[in-house]
Amino acid sequence: MKMTRDEESLLLFLETRAVDHDGKVSTEHMNASDMEVAKRWNVDHFICFGRLPSELVTAKTNRGRNTHWVILSPGAFGHASQLRAERADRGTARLRTELEPYKLLSVVASVFDGVFVPFEE
């Protein structure tokens, strides 16, 4: 599935809410465009997304107020996992360069049974 950068960001946000917040979503962190995308993904069965019943809406905290819920499809989880791996690769590129003089990447390769591919520019 081809996504815009904003859609990728939204998917990672919703994946975090699904994993770390029991599927409860604070929409204070979503704009109108995000809500439209979430509704479209819901119709397309990429995610299940909806408003919580009023009895389950949480009190406002420093993390916001959970007003919606989300469950990701296996495809959505797979796409989010791929995006996280790509983001991690970009984020650790500088670290790999910094570690190279210390020959620590060979240690990493041994941990991954030689499957680890050192970063190359």
C-alpha atoms as a PDB file:
ATOM      1  CA  MET A   1       0.000   0.000   0.000  1.00  0.00           C
ATOM      2  CA  LYS A   2       1.481   3.335  -1.052  1.00  0.00           C
ATOM      3  CA  MET A   3       1.095   5.999   1.621  1.00  0.00           C
ATOM      4  CA  THR A   4       1.901   9.651   1.968  1.00  0.00           C
ATOM      5  CA  ARG A   5       4.263  10.709   4.729  1.00  0.00           C
ATOM      6  CA  ASP A   6       1.283  11.968   6.762  1.00  0.00           C
ATOM      7  CA  GLU A   7      -0.496   8.626   6.353  1.00  0.00           C
ATOM      8  CA  GLU A   8       2.630   6.753   7.437  1.00  0.00           C
ATOM      9  CA  SER A   9       2.864   8.974  10.508  1.00  0.00           C
ATOM     10  CA  LEU A  10      -0.803   8.343  11.300  1.00  0.00           C
ATOM     11  CA  LEU A  11      -0.368   4.583  10.943  1.00  0.00           C
ATOM     12  CA  LEU A  12       2.595   4.619  13.342  1.00  0.00           C
ATOM     13  CA  PHE A  13       0.594   6.740  15.808  1.00  0.00           C
ATOM     14  CA  LEU A  14      -2.355   4.334  15.658  1.00  0.00           C
ATOM     15  CA  GLU A  15      -0.042   1.319  15.959  1.00  0.00           C
ATOM     16  CA  THR A  16       1.447   2.851  19.109  1.00  0.00           C
ATOM     17  CA  ARG A  17      -2.037   3.435  20.524  1.00  0.00           C
ATOM     18  CA  ALA A  18      -3.023  -0.150  19.680  1.00  0.00           C
ATOM     19  CA  VAL A  19       0.072  -1.609  21.332  1.00  0.00           C
ATOM     20  CA  ASP A  20       0.828   0.706  24.256  1.00  0.00           C
ATOM     21  CA  HIS A  21      -2.606   2.104  25.124  1.00  0.00           C
ATOM     22  CA  ASP A  22      -4.899  -0.920  24.802  1.00  0.00           C
ATOM     23  CA  GLY A  23      -6.274   0.361  21.507  1.00  0.00           C
ATOM     24  CA  LYS A  24      -7.611   3.584  23.007  1.00  0.00           C
ATOM     25  CA  VAL A  25      -6.959   6.749  21.017  1.00  0.00           C
ATOM     26  CA  SER A  26      -6.775  10.369  22.091  1.00  0.00           C
ATOM     27  CA  THR A  27      -7.904  12.247  18.996  1.00  0.00           C
ATOM     28  CA  GLU A  28      -6.483  15.491  20.393  1.00  0.00           C
ATOM     29  CA  HIS A  29      -3.345  14.335  18.575  1.00  0.00           C
ATOM     30  CA  MET A  30      -5.186  13.951  15.247  1.00  0.00           C
ATOM     31  CA  ASN A  31      -6.241  16.674  12.829  1.00  0.00           C
ATOM     32  CA  ALA A  32      -9.278  16.629  10.525  1.00  0.00           C
ATOM     33  CA  SER A  33      -7.270  15.057   7.705  1.00  0.00           C
ATOM     34  CA  ASP A  34      -6.084  12.263  10.026  1.00  0.00           C
ATOM     35  CA  MET A  35      -9.683  11.571  11.025  1.00  0.00           C
ATOM     36  CA  GLU A  36     -10.729  11.323   7.368  1.00  0.00           C
ATOM     37  CA  VAL A  37      -7.896   8.894   6.613  1.00  0.00           C
ATOM     38  CA  ALA A  38      -8.774   6.781   9.675  1.00  0.00           C
ATOM     39  CA  LYS A  39     -12.407   6.661   8.551  1.00  0.00           C
ATOM     40  CA  ARG A  40     -11.346   5.653   5.016  1.00  0.00           C
ATOM     41  CA  TRP A  41      -9.063   2.927   6.375  1.00  0.00           C
ATOM     42  CA  ASN A  42     -11.959   1.729   8.525  1.00  0.00           C
ATOM     43  CA  VAL A  43     -14.204   1.430   5.446  1.00  0.00           C
ATOM     44  CA  ASP A  44     -11.374  -0.363   3.602  1.00  0.00           C
ATOM     45  CA  HIS A  45     -10.930  -2.777   6.575  1.00  0.00           C
ATOM     46  CA  PHE A  46      -7.280  -1.740   6.952  1.00  0.00           C
ATOM     47  CA  ILE A  47      -8.105  -0.803  10.561  1.00  0.00           C
ATOM     48  CA  CYS A  48     -11.191  -0.887  12.763  1.00  0.00           C
ATOM     49  CA  PHE A  49     -11.709   2.607  14.172  1.00  0.00           C
ATOM     50  CA  GLY A  50     -14.561   4.169  16.077  1.00  0.00           C
ATOM     51  CA  ARG A  51     -15.744   6.320  18.938  1.00  0.00           C
ATOM     52  CA  LEU A  52     -15.764   4.825  22.423  1.00  0.00           C
ATOM     53  CA  PRO A  53     -19.107   4.581  24.229  1.00  0.00           C
ATOM     54  CA  SER A  54     -19.396   7.533  26.621  1.00  0.00           C
ATOM     55  CA  GLU A  55     -18.965   5.251  29.648  1.00  0.00           C
ATOM     56  CA  LEU A  56     -15.490   4.282  28.395  1.00  0.00           C
ATOM     57  CA  VAL A  57     -14.226   7.776  27.552  1.00  0.00           C
ATOM     58  CA  THR A  58     -11.432   8.515  29.979  1.00  0.00           C
ATOM     59  CA  ALA A  59     -11.008  11.617  32.074  1.00  0.00           C
ATOM     60  CA  LYS A  60      -8.630  14.169  30.614  1.00  0.00           C
ATOM     61  CA  THR A  61      -5.035  13.586  31.701  1.00  0.00           C
ATOM     62  CA  ASN A  62      -1.692  15.027  30.681  1.00  0.00           C
ATOM     63  CA  ARG A  63      -1.793  12.449  27.843  1.00  0.00           C
ATOM     64  CA  GLY A  64      -5.165  13.653  26.573  1.00  0.00           C
ATOM     65  CA  ARG A  65      -8.585  12.046  26.686  1.00  0.00           C
ATOM     66  CA  ASN A  66      -9.196   8.689  25.054  1.00  0.00           C
ATOM     67  CA  THR A  67     -12.338   9.127  22.970  1.00  0.00           C
ATOM     68  CA  HIS A  68     -11.830   6.556  20.188  1.00  0.00           C
ATOM     69  CA  TRP A  69     -10.597   2.987  19.740  1.00  0.00           C
ATOM     70  CA  VAL A  70      -8.497   1.268  17.090  1.00  0.00           C
ATOM     71  CA  ILE A  71      -7.678  -2.312  16.131  1.00  0.00           C
ATOM     72  CA  LEU A  72      -5.174  -2.832  13.324  1.00  0.00           C
ATOM     73  CA  SER A  73      -5.560  -5.532  10.690  1.00  0.00           C
ATOM     74  CA  PRO A  74      -2.648  -7.929  10.138  1.00  0.00           C
ATOM     75  CA  GLY A  75      -1.844  -5.925   6.997  1.00  0.00           C
ATOM     76  CA  ALA A  76      -1.756  -2.668   8.952  1.00  0.00           C
ATOM     77  CA  PHE A  77       0.516  -4.216  11.598  1.00  0.00           C
ATOM     78  CA  GLY A  78       2.790  -5.560   8.869  1.00  0.00           C
ATOM     79  CA  HIS A  79       3.016  -2.186   7.156  1.00  0.00           C
ATOM     80  CA  ALA A  80       3.683  -0.425  10.481  1.00  0.00           C
ATOM     81  CA  SER A  81       6.412  -2.951  11.281  1.00  0.00           C
ATOM     82  CA  GLN A  82       8.083  -2.283   7.939  1.00  0.00           C
ATOM     83  CA  LEU A  83       7.884   1.485   8.498  1.00  0.00           C
ATOM     84  CA  ARG A  84       9.409   1.140  11.988  1.00  0.00           C
ATOM     85  CA  ALA A  85      12.277  -0.965  10.624  1.00  0.00           C
ATOM     86  CA  GLU A  86      12.957   1.617   7.898  1.00  0.00           C
ATOM     87  CA  ARG A  87      12.820   4.445  10.448  1.00  0.00           C
ATOM     88  CA  ALA A  88      15.198   2.555  12.744  1.00  0.00           C
ATOM     89  CA  ASP A  89      17.640   2.012   9.869  1.00  0.00           C
ATOM     90  CA  ARG A  90      17.655   5.730   9.108  1.00  0.00           C
ATOM     91  CA  GLY A  91      17.924   6.604  12.791  1.00  0.00           C
ATOM     92  CA  THR A  92      20.871   4.330  13.473  1.00  0.00           C
ATOM     93  CA  ALA A  93      22.849   5.209  10.340  1.00  0.00           C
ATOM     94  CA  ARG A  94      24.901   7.824  12.198  1.00  0.00           C
ATOM     95  CA  LEU A  95      25.432   5.477  15.138  1.00  0.00           C
ATOM     96  CA  ARG A  96      26.741   2.769  12.822  1.00  0.00           C
ATOM     97  CA  THR A  97      29.194   5.258  11.328  1.00  0.00           C
ATOM     98  CA  GLU A  98      30.322   6.286  14.826  1.00  0.00           C
ATOM     99  CA  LEU A  99      30.783   2.640  15.894  1.00  0.00           C
ATOM    100  CA  GLU A 100      32.776   1.599  12.823  1.00  0.00           C
ATOM    101  CA  PRO A 101      36.229   2.660  14.148  1.00  0.00           C
ATOM    102  CA  TYR A 102      35.634   0.565  17.275  1.00  0.00           C
ATOM    103  CA  LYS A 103      34.872  -2.613  15.287  1.00  0.00           C
ATOM    104  CA  LEU A 104      31.657  -3.052  17.246  1.00  0.00           C
ATOM    105  CA  LEU A 105      29.634  -3.880  14.159  1.00  0.00           C
ATOM    106  CA  SER A 106      31.282  -7.305  14.004  1.00  0.00           C
ATOM    107  CA  VAL A 107      29.876  -7.936  17.495  1.00  0.00           C
ATOM    108  CA  VAL A 108      26.433  -6.964  16.236  1.00  0.00           C
ATOM    109  CA  ALA A 109      26.861  -9.285  13.248  1.00  0.00           C
ATOM    110  CA  SER A 110      27.691 -12.195  15.554  1.00  0.00           C
ATOM    111  CA  VAL A 111      24.590 -11.497  17.650  1.00  0.00           C
ATOM    112  CA  PHE A 112      22.494 -11.732  14.479  1.00  0.00           C
ATOM    113  CA  ASP A 113      24.302 -14.917  13.337  1.00  0.00           C
ATOM    114  CA  GLY A 114      26.042 -13.062  10.556  1.00  0.00           C
ATOM    115  CA  VAL A 115      22.788 -11.856   9.010  1.00  0.00           C
ATOM    116  CA  PHE A 116      23.405  -8.233   9.996  1.00  0.00           C
ATOM    117  CA  VAL A 117      24.354  -6.064   7.037  1.00  0.00           C
ATOM    118  CA  PRO A 118      26.558  -3.130   8.071  1.00  0.00           C
ATOM    119  CA  PHE A 119      25.428   0.288   6.953  1.00  0.00           C
ATOM    120  CA  GLU A 120      26.983   1.516   3.759  1.00  0.00           C
ATOM    121  CA  GLU A 121      26.672   5.016   2.350  1.00  0.00           C
END
